[in-house]
Amino acid sequence: METLDLEPRVLADRRGVAFALAHANSRVQCVITLTTLQAYFWLDPRASEAQVLKTFRDGYGRIRAIAERKLLAHPAAKLQLTPDDFARP
């Protein structure tokens, strides 16, 4: 899988960060919730949009790996990453 050249963006409702991945010759719309960024990437709940995007970019390798594994297990056109996806059994 390779990422597409689409800039991640904070959703208008501030519930997450939207980004896209290329998977099986198509584009998959992905969202990681701010709750996940707070729980697993130390994002401050009062963070500005710039801080949210920096945290997303800093953790992107791990975020992408989890998204790719989830897509391999459950192919979909849209994907939402939540704290459950990052919890270790």
Protein backbone atom coordinates (compact mmCIF):
# COMPACT_ATOMS: atom_id res chain seq x y z
CA MET A 1 0.00 0.00 0.00
CA GLU A 2 1.13 3.52 -0.67
CA THR A 3 -0.23 6.76 0.60
CA LEU A 4 -1.76 9.27 -1.75
CA ASP A 5 -0.63 12.87 -1.95
CA LEU A 6 -3.65 14.19 -0.09
CA GLU A 7 -2.98 16.40 2.87
CA PRO A 8 -4.50 15.23 6.14
CA ARG A 9 -7.08 17.62 7.54
CA VAL A 10 -8.87 18.09 10.82
CA LEU A 11 -12.58 17.41 10.39
CA ALA A 12 -14.91 20.40 10.73
CA ASP A 13 -16.46 18.90 13.88
CA ARG A 14 -12.96 18.31 15.37
CA ARG A 15 -13.73 14.67 15.98
CA GLY A 16 -10.77 13.39 13.97
CA VAL A 17 -8.20 13.75 11.22
CA ALA A 18 -9.14 12.65 7.70
CA PHE A 19 -6.50 11.17 5.39
CA ALA A 20 -6.38 8.75 2.47
CA LEU A 21 -4.53 5.54 1.64
CA ALA A 22 -4.17 3.75 -1.66
CA HIS A 23 -5.35 0.16 -1.36
CA ALA A 24 -6.08 -2.39 -4.10
CA ASN A 25 -5.97 0.27 -6.85
CA SER A 26 -8.46 2.50 -5.08
CA ARG A 27 -8.45 5.31 -2.56
CA VAL A 28 -9.64 4.57 0.95
CA GLN A 29 -10.93 7.48 3.02
CA CYS A 30 -9.63 7.16 6.57
CA VAL A 31 -10.29 8.99 9.82
CA ILE A 32 -8.39 8.67 13.07
CA THR A 33 -10.38 10.02 15.99
CA LEU A 34 -8.98 12.77 18.20
CA THR A 35 -9.72 10.48 21.14
CA THR A 36 -7.23 8.02 19.65
CA LEU A 37 -4.60 10.72 19.14
CA GLN A 38 -5.11 11.80 22.75
CA ALA A 39 -4.91 8.28 24.15
CA TYR A 40 -2.03 6.88 22.08
CA PHE A 41 -0.10 9.88 20.74
CA TRP A 42 -0.21 12.26 23.74
CA LEU A 43 -2.31 14.93 22.04
CA ASP A 44 -3.48 17.63 24.45
CA PRO A 45 -7.31 17.87 24.46
CA ARG A 46 -7.01 21.65 24.00
CA ALA A 47 -4.60 21.37 21.06
CA SER A 48 -4.85 23.74 18.12
CA GLU A 49 -5.46 22.45 14.61
CA ALA A 50 -1.75 22.87 13.85
CA GLN A 51 -0.83 20.80 16.93
CA VAL A 52 -3.35 18.10 15.95
CA LEU A 53 -1.82 17.82 12.48
CA LYS A 54 1.73 17.77 13.88
CA THR A 55 0.79 14.95 16.24
CA PHE A 56 -0.82 13.07 13.35
CA ARG A 57 2.29 13.51 11.16
CA ASP A 58 4.63 12.52 14.00
CA GLY A 59 2.68 9.28 14.54
CA TYR A 60 1.89 8.65 10.89
CA GLY A 61 4.09 5.56 10.52
CA ARG A 62 2.22 3.74 13.29
CA ILE A 63 -1.16 5.12 12.17
CA ARG A 64 -0.56 3.94 8.61
CA ALA A 65 0.56 0.48 9.77
CA ILE A 66 -2.60 0.01 11.86
CA ALA A 67 -4.80 1.30 9.02
CA GLU A 68 -3.17 -1.07 6.52
CA ARG A 69 -3.60 -4.07 8.82
CA LYS A 70 -7.24 -3.20 9.44
CA LEU A 71 -7.86 -2.84 5.69
CA LEU A 72 -6.23 -6.19 4.97
CA ALA A 73 -8.46 -7.86 7.55
CA HIS A 74 -11.62 -5.96 6.57
CA PRO A 75 -11.47 -4.29 3.12
CA ALA A 76 -13.60 -1.16 2.97
CA ALA A 77 -13.97 2.13 1.12
CA LYS A 78 -14.00 4.06 4.41
CA LEU A 79 -12.06 3.34 7.55
CA GLN A 80 -12.22 4.80 11.04
CA LEU A 81 -9.42 4.24 13.53
CA THR A 82 -10.42 4.30 17.19
CA PRO A 83 -8.58 3.60 20.45
CA ASP A 84 -9.62 -0.07 20.18
CA ASP A 85 -7.48 -0.40 17.04
CA PHE A 86 -4.36 0.64 18.95
CA ALA A 87 -4.99 -1.30 22.16
CA ARG A 88 -2.74 -4.28 22.65
CA PRO A 89 -4.40 -7.54 23.67
